[in-house]
Amino acid sequence: MSRLIELPQFVREALEREEREEGELDAWALAEALESGAADPLDPIAPRPEGFRRLLAAVERPPGRYAPFCARLAQLFDLSEDAVLAELTRLAQPGAWRFAGLPGIQQAVLRGGRRVAHAETLFVRFAPGTRFPRHRHTGDEHVLVLEGHYTDSAGIVHRPGELREWQAGSEHSFRVSREGPCIFASVVFGRRFSAPPLRLLARILGR
């Protein structure tokens, strides 16, 4: 039995951004054909090269790259999904990422909603192989991995789509995989580095 295929909004927008050429894949026509039974869902349908390139471009960079996490990011940051999409779009702009004070680490700060008004809310990007030093959580921290993975000092691997919650009083360090960068969204209500020089650095940076 055929069923309606619901394409993600960011895919539809990518395909609708430019005028469709004759013979190019029409997402809506495809969905209607499948719903009516006029097309076999198992039959391969090859889009024209230009349409396929646009589709790939849409999912290779923000916001399309992280669109599957949009609803969860909205909950994490206490924002609407439209506001989250705007923030994800900003990540692709020059200068969006700033040096975070430690080698191999960049961040993009955003303003979260009322529920997280007193927390540090940001996207963080780690270069492959980066080690984040040992620190203690003086308040809760919530981390949603968007890309790549890292291993914490307990040997637990954190992968894309996983939400980790670190309670106040917990302490750990972690290392990013050498296979590629790691990007996650983070809400931090308090953190203190274990090494005195890093505590001084954090104070200088206003953290």
C-alpha atoms as a PDB file:
ATOM      1  CA  MET A   1       0.000   0.000   0.000  1.00  0.00           C
ATOM      2  CA  SER A   2       1.358   3.393  -0.933  1.00  0.00           C
ATOM      3  CA  ARG A   3       1.552   6.196   1.612  1.00  0.00           C
ATOM      4  CA  LEU A   4       2.165   9.928   1.549  1.00  0.00           C
ATOM      5  CA  ILE A   5       5.831  10.841   1.911  1.00  0.00           C
ATOM      6  CA  GLU A   6       6.257  13.939   4.094  1.00  0.00           C
ATOM      7  CA  LEU A   7       9.441  15.711   3.043  1.00  0.00           C
ATOM      8  CA  PRO A   8      11.176  17.868   5.691  1.00  0.00           C
ATOM      9  CA  GLN A   9      10.397  21.552   5.400  1.00  0.00           C
ATOM     10  CA  PHE A  10      14.007  22.549   4.749  1.00  0.00           C
ATOM     11  CA  VAL A  11      14.150  20.095   1.810  1.00  0.00           C
ATOM     12  CA  ARG A  12      10.962  21.510   0.323  1.00  0.00           C
ATOM     13  CA  GLU A  13      12.283  25.042   0.680  1.00  0.00           C
ATOM     14  CA  ALA A  14      15.565  24.102  -0.987  1.00  0.00           C
ATOM     15  CA  LEU A  15      13.748  22.613  -3.938  1.00  0.00           C
ATOM     16  CA  GLU A  16      11.321  25.527  -4.190  1.00  0.00           C
ATOM     17  CA  ARG A  17      13.968  28.246  -3.916  1.00  0.00           C
ATOM     18  CA  GLU A  18      14.584  28.248  -7.656  1.00  0.00           C
ATOM     19  CA  GLU A  19      12.142  27.659 -10.488  1.00  0.00           C
ATOM     20  CA  ARG A  20      11.808  24.013 -11.363  1.00  0.00           C
ATOM     21  CA  GLU A  21      12.983  23.000 -14.796  1.00  0.00           C
ATOM     22  CA  GLU A  22      10.814  20.729 -16.904  1.00  0.00           C
ATOM     23  CA  GLY A  23      11.349  17.125 -15.939  1.00  0.00           C
ATOM     24  CA  GLU A  24      13.013  17.947 -12.614  1.00  0.00           C
ATOM     25  CA  LEU A  25      11.814  16.092  -9.533  1.00  0.00           C
ATOM     26  CA  ASP A  26       8.675  17.756  -8.135  1.00  0.00           C
ATOM     27  CA  ALA A  27       8.392  16.761  -4.487  1.00  0.00           C
ATOM     28  CA  TRP A  28       4.696  17.582  -4.220  1.00  0.00           C
ATOM     29  CA  ALA A  29       3.789  15.763  -7.436  1.00  0.00           C
ATOM     30  CA  LEU A  30       5.709  12.736  -6.201  1.00  0.00           C
ATOM     31  CA  ALA A  31       3.850  12.750  -2.881  1.00  0.00           C
ATOM     32  CA  GLU A  32       0.465  13.063  -4.615  1.00  0.00           C
ATOM     33  CA  ALA A  33       1.311  10.231  -7.032  1.00  0.00           C
ATOM     34  CA  LEU A  34       2.304   7.934  -4.188  1.00  0.00           C
ATOM     35  CA  GLU A  35      -0.845   8.782  -2.248  1.00  0.00           C
ATOM     36  CA  SER A  36      -3.074   7.999  -5.213  1.00  0.00           C
ATOM     37  CA  GLY A  37      -1.235   4.788  -6.025  1.00  0.00           C
ATOM     38  CA  ALA A  38      -0.160   6.060  -9.425  1.00  0.00           C
ATOM     39  CA  ALA A  39       3.496   5.473  -8.626  1.00  0.00           C
ATOM     40  CA  ASP A  40       5.257   2.494  -7.134  1.00  0.00           C
ATOM     41  CA  PRO A  41       7.265   3.633  -4.059  1.00  0.00           C
ATOM     42  CA  LEU A  42       9.885   1.054  -4.966  1.00  0.00           C
ATOM     43  CA  ASP A  43      10.508   2.469  -8.440  1.00  0.00           C
ATOM     44  CA  PRO A  44      13.714   4.567  -8.497  1.00  0.00           C
ATOM     45  CA  ILE A  45      13.215   8.207  -9.438  1.00  0.00           C
ATOM     46  CA  ALA A  46      16.316  10.092 -10.547  1.00  0.00           C
ATOM     47  CA  PRO A  47      16.245  13.872 -10.027  1.00  0.00           C
ATOM     48  CA  ARG A  48      17.966  16.168 -12.491  1.00  0.00           C
ATOM     49  CA  PRO A  49      21.592  16.905 -11.511  1.00  0.00           C
ATOM     50  CA  GLU A  50      20.952  20.559 -10.625  1.00  0.00           C
ATOM     51  CA  GLY A  51      18.087  19.700  -8.305  1.00  0.00           C
ATOM     52  CA  PHE A  52      20.142  16.970  -6.684  1.00  0.00           C
ATOM     53  CA  ARG A  53      23.064  19.362  -6.140  1.00  0.00           C
ATOM     54  CA  ARG A  54      20.756  21.888  -4.497  1.00  0.00           C
ATOM     55  CA  LEU A  55      19.357  19.200  -2.235  1.00  0.00           C
ATOM     56  CA  LEU A  56      22.843  18.085  -1.175  1.00  0.00           C
ATOM     57  CA  ALA A  57      23.889  21.678  -0.542  1.00  0.00           C
ATOM     58  CA  ALA A  58      20.834  22.185   1.665  1.00  0.00           C
ATOM     59  CA  VAL A  59      21.706  19.268   3.941  1.00  0.00           C
ATOM     60  CA  GLU A  60      25.477  19.802   4.043  1.00  0.00           C
ATOM     61  CA  ARG A  61      25.403  23.166   5.825  1.00  0.00           C
ATOM     62  CA  PRO A  62      23.282  24.801   8.505  1.00  0.00           C
ATOM     63  CA  PRO A  63      20.376  25.067   8.934  1.00  0.00           C
ATOM     64  CA  GLY A  64      19.621  21.961   6.858  1.00  0.00           C
ATOM     65  CA  ARG A  65      22.460  19.951   8.369  1.00  0.00           C
ATOM     66  CA  TYR A  66      20.981  20.170  11.867  1.00  0.00           C
ATOM     67  CA  ALA A  67      17.288  20.507  10.961  1.00  0.00           C
ATOM     68  CA  PRO A  68      16.447  17.021  12.329  1.00  0.00           C
ATOM     69  CA  PHE A  69      17.349  18.368  15.794  1.00  0.00           C
ATOM     70  CA  CYS A  70      15.291  21.558  15.494  1.00  0.00           C
ATOM     71  CA  ALA A  71      12.478  20.568  17.858  1.00  0.00           C
ATOM     72  CA  ARG A  72      14.906  19.282  20.480  1.00  0.00           C
ATOM     73  CA  LEU A  73      17.035  22.421  20.206  1.00  0.00           C
ATOM     74  CA  ALA A  74      13.913  24.537  20.679  1.00  0.00           C
ATOM     75  CA  GLN A  75      13.194  22.668  23.903  1.00  0.00           C
ATOM     76  CA  LEU A  76      16.817  22.865  25.049  1.00  0.00           C
ATOM     77  CA  PHE A  77      17.132  26.622  24.496  1.00  0.00           C
ATOM     78  CA  ASP A  78      13.497  27.434  25.394  1.00  0.00           C
ATOM     79  CA  LEU A  79      12.957  29.037  21.976  1.00  0.00           C
ATOM     80  CA  SER A  80      10.495  28.641  19.139  1.00  0.00           C
ATOM     81  CA  GLU A  81      11.508  26.415  16.227  1.00  0.00           C
ATOM     82  CA  ASP A  82      11.569  29.484  13.974  1.00  0.00           C
ATOM     83  CA  ALA A  83      14.033  31.154  16.344  1.00  0.00           C
ATOM     84  CA  VAL A  84      16.187  28.021  16.366  1.00  0.00           C
ATOM     85  CA  LEU A  85      16.204  27.903  12.548  1.00  0.00           C
ATOM     86  CA  ALA A  86      17.368  31.518  12.522  1.00  0.00           C
ATOM     87  CA  GLU A  87      20.217  30.631  14.900  1.00  0.00           C
ATOM     88  CA  LEU A  88      21.184  27.593  12.825  1.00  0.00           C
ATOM     89  CA  THR A  89      21.217  29.747   9.693  1.00  0.00           C
ATOM     90  CA  ARG A  90      23.567  32.157  11.458  1.00  0.00           C
ATOM     91  CA  LEU A  91      26.086  29.335  12.019  1.00  0.00           C
ATOM     92  CA  ALA A  92      26.812  29.273   8.270  1.00  0.00           C
ATOM     93  CA  GLN A  93      27.669  32.981   8.179  1.00  0.00           C
ATOM     94  CA  PRO A  94      31.259  34.287   8.322  1.00  0.00           C
ATOM     95  CA  GLY A  95      32.277  35.284  11.821  1.00  0.00           C
ATOM     96  CA  ALA A  96      29.536  33.313  13.556  1.00  0.00           C
ATOM     97  CA  TRP A  97      32.093  31.156  15.361  1.00  0.00           C
ATOM     98  CA  ARG A  98      34.439  32.858  17.842  1.00  0.00           C
ATOM     99  CA  PHE A  99      37.526  31.615  19.679  1.00  0.00           C
ATOM    100  CA  ALA A 100      36.401  30.185  23.034  1.00  0.00           C
ATOM    101  CA  GLY A 101      39.667  30.749  24.916  1.00  0.00           C
ATOM    102  CA  LEU A 102      41.073  27.228  24.591  1.00  0.00           C
ATOM    103  CA  PRO A 103      42.943  25.736  21.598  1.00  0.00           C
ATOM    104  CA  GLY A 104      40.739  23.969  19.059  1.00  0.00           C
ATOM    105  CA  ILE A 105      37.478  25.282  20.491  1.00  0.00           C
ATOM    106  CA  GLN A 106      35.079  27.814  18.954  1.00  0.00           C
ATOM    107  CA  GLN A 107      31.651  28.885  20.087  1.00  0.00           C
ATOM    108  CA  ALA A 108      28.565  30.716  18.878  1.00  0.00           C
ATOM    109  CA  VAL A 109      26.628  32.300  21.720  1.00  0.00           C
ATOM    110  CA  LEU A 110      22.875  32.735  21.483  1.00  0.00           C
ATOM    111  CA  ARG A 111      20.206  34.148  23.721  1.00  0.00           C
ATOM    112  CA  GLY A 112      17.917  31.488  25.099  1.00  0.00           C
ATOM    113  CA  GLY A 113      14.400  31.813  26.471  1.00  0.00           C
ATOM    114  CA  ARG A 114      13.244  32.728  29.953  1.00  0.00           C
ATOM    115  CA  ARG A 115      13.748  29.247  31.387  1.00  0.00           C
ATOM    116  CA  VAL A 116      17.494  29.369  30.603  1.00  0.00           C
ATOM    117  CA  ALA A 117      17.985  33.123  31.065  1.00  0.00           C
ATOM    118  CA  HIS A 118      20.593  32.599  33.795  1.00  0.00           C
ATOM    119  CA  ALA A 119      22.547  29.939  31.915  1.00  0.00           C
ATOM    120  CA  GLU A 120      25.299  30.058  29.313  1.00  0.00           C
ATOM    121  CA  THR A 121      23.591  29.061  26.037  1.00  0.00           C
ATOM    122  CA  LEU A 122      25.735  28.338  23.022  1.00  0.00           C
ATOM    123  CA  PHE A 123      26.830  26.108  20.175  1.00  0.00           C
ATOM    124  CA  VAL A 124      30.364  24.751  20.577  1.00  0.00           C
ATOM    125  CA  ARG A 125      32.655  23.407  17.853  1.00  0.00           C
ATOM    126  CA  PHE A 126      35.707  21.286  18.701  1.00  0.00           C
ATOM    127  CA  ALA A 127      38.509  20.493  16.287  1.00  0.00           C
ATOM    128  CA  PRO A 128      39.312  16.771  15.825  1.00  0.00           C
ATOM    129  CA  GLY A 129      41.276  15.361  18.753  1.00  0.00           C
ATOM    130  CA  THR A 130      40.601  18.327  21.064  1.00  0.00           C
ATOM    131  CA  ARG A 131      40.773  17.576  24.785  1.00  0.00           C
ATOM    132  CA  PHE A 132      38.487  19.561  27.080  1.00  0.00           C
ATOM    133  CA  PRO A 133      40.083  19.811  30.541  1.00  0.00           C
ATOM    134  CA  ARG A 134      38.666  18.465  33.749  1.00  0.00           C
ATOM    135  CA  HIS A 135      35.957  20.633  35.244  1.00  0.00           C
ATOM    136  CA  ARG A 136      33.282  20.523  37.915  1.00  0.00           C
ATOM    137  CA  HIS A 137      29.654  21.405  37.308  1.00  0.00           C
ATOM    138  CA  THR A 138      28.529  23.958  39.884  1.00  0.00           C
ATOM    139  CA  GLY A 139      25.113  23.896  38.217  1.00  0.00           C
ATOM    140  CA  ASP A 140      23.354  21.541  35.838  1.00  0.00           C
ATOM    141  CA  GLU A 141      24.517  21.283  32.221  1.00  0.00           C
ATOM    142  CA  HIS A 142      22.581  19.932  29.218  1.00  0.00           C
ATOM    143  CA  VAL A 143      24.417  18.961  26.026  1.00  0.00           C
ATOM    144  CA  LEU A 144      22.864  17.849  22.723  1.00  0.00           C
ATOM    145  CA  VAL A 145      25.409  16.447  20.255  1.00  0.00           C
ATOM    146  CA  LEU A 146      24.750  17.583  16.675  1.00  0.00           C
ATOM    147  CA  GLU A 147      27.787  16.262  14.822  1.00  0.00           C
ATOM    148  CA  GLY A 148      30.817  14.065  15.534  1.00  0.00           C
ATOM    149  CA  HIS A 149      31.400  12.389  18.873  1.00  0.00           C
ATOM    150  CA  TYR A 150      33.516  12.582  21.998  1.00  0.00           C
ATOM    151  CA  THR A 151      34.506  10.268  24.843  1.00  0.00           C
ATOM    152  CA  ASP A 152      34.342  11.439  28.441  1.00  0.00           C
ATOM    153  CA  SER A 153      36.700  10.486  31.261  1.00  0.00           C
ATOM    154  CA  ALA A 154      34.352   7.662  32.294  1.00  0.00           C
ATOM    155  CA  GLY A 155      34.826   6.061  28.866  1.00  0.00           C
ATOM    156  CA  ILE A 156      31.306   6.874  27.652  1.00  0.00           C
ATOM    157  CA  VAL A 157      31.022   7.834  23.974  1.00  0.00           C
ATOM    158  CA  HIS A 158      28.582  10.666  23.214  1.00  0.00           C
ATOM    159  CA  ARG A 159      27.153  10.596  19.664  1.00  0.00           C
ATOM    160  CA  PRO A 160      24.862  12.760  17.481  1.00  0.00           C
ATOM    161  CA  GLY A 161      21.308  12.988  18.741  1.00  0.00           C
ATOM    162  CA  GLU A 162      22.223  12.118  22.320  1.00  0.00           C
ATOM    163  CA  LEU A 163      21.219  14.525  25.075  1.00  0.00           C
ATOM    164  CA  ARG A 164      23.481  14.375  28.107  1.00  0.00           C
ATOM    165  CA  GLU A 165      22.611  15.952  31.441  1.00  0.00           C
ATOM    166  CA  TRP A 166      25.376  16.636  33.934  1.00  0.00           C
ATOM    167  CA  GLN A 167      24.125  17.358  37.434  1.00  0.00           C
ATOM    168  CA  ALA A 168      25.613  19.947  39.770  1.00  0.00           C
ATOM    169  CA  GLY A 169      28.550  18.401  41.621  1.00  0.00           C
ATOM    170  CA  SER A 170      29.599  16.078  38.792  1.00  0.00           C
ATOM    171  CA  GLU A 171      33.138  16.319  37.437  1.00  0.00           C
ATOM    172  CA  HIS A 172      34.763  15.056  34.250  1.00  0.00           C
ATOM    173  CA  SER A 173      36.880  15.797  31.171  1.00  0.00           C
ATOM    174  CA  PHE A 174      36.480  14.585  27.594  1.00  0.00           C
ATOM    175  CA  ARG A 175      38.283  14.130  24.296  1.00  0.00           C
ATOM    176  CA  VAL A 176      36.880  14.625  20.809  1.00  0.00           C
ATOM    177  CA  SER A 177      37.385  11.883  18.222  1.00  0.00           C
ATOM    178  CA  ARG A 178      40.227  12.384  15.764  1.00  0.00           C
ATOM    179  CA  GLU A 179      37.909  11.305  12.947  1.00  0.00           C
ATOM    180  CA  GLY A 180      36.352  14.755  12.611  1.00  0.00           C
ATOM    181  CA  PRO A 181      35.059  17.837  14.431  1.00  0.00           C
ATOM    182  CA  CYS A 182      32.400  17.670  17.102  1.00  0.00           C
ATOM    183  CA  ILE A 183      29.599  20.216  17.418  1.00  0.00           C
ATOM    184  CA  PHE A 184      27.072  20.342  20.209  1.00  0.00           C
ATOM    185  CA  ALA A 185      24.500  22.670  21.732  1.00  0.00           C
ATOM    186  CA  SER A 186      24.993  23.419  25.394  1.00  0.00           C
ATOM    187  CA  VAL A 187      23.112  25.013  28.274  1.00  0.00           C
ATOM    188  CA  VAL A 188      25.418  25.539  31.260  1.00  0.00           C
ATOM    189  CA  PHE A 189      24.178  26.752  34.650  1.00  0.00           C
ATOM    190  CA  GLY A 190      27.630  26.676  36.231  1.00  0.00           C
ATOM    191  CA  ARG A 191      31.082  25.221  35.619  1.00  0.00           C
ATOM    192  CA  ARG A 192      34.476  25.491  37.294  1.00  0.00           C
ATOM    193  CA  PHE A 193      37.750  24.201  35.893  1.00  0.00           C
ATOM    194  CA  SER A 194      39.839  22.010  38.168  1.00  0.00           C
ATOM    195  CA  ALA A 195      43.251  23.495  37.232  1.00  0.00           C
ATOM    196  CA  PRO A 196      43.966  26.933  38.824  1.00  0.00           C
ATOM    197  CA  PRO A 197      45.333  28.486  35.575  1.00  0.00           C
ATOM    198  CA  LEU A 198      42.127  27.570  33.769  1.00  0.00           C
ATOM    199  CA  ARG A 199      40.024  29.019  36.587  1.00  0.00           C
ATOM    200  CA  LEU A 200      41.939  32.267  36.136  1.00  0.00           C
ATOM    201  CA  LEU A 201      41.346  32.150  32.378  1.00  0.00           C
ATOM    202  CA  ALA A 202      37.638  31.558  32.919  1.00  0.00           C
ATOM    203  CA  ARG A 203      37.499  34.557  35.251  1.00  0.00           C
ATOM    204  CA  ILE A 204      39.217  36.729  32.635  1.00  0.00           C
ATOM    205  CA  LEU A 205      36.720  35.581  30.005  1.00  0.00           C
ATOM    206  CA  GLY A 206      33.836  36.328  32.345  1.00  0.00           C
ATOM    207  CA  ARG A 207      32.779  32.749  32.975  1.00  0.00           C
END
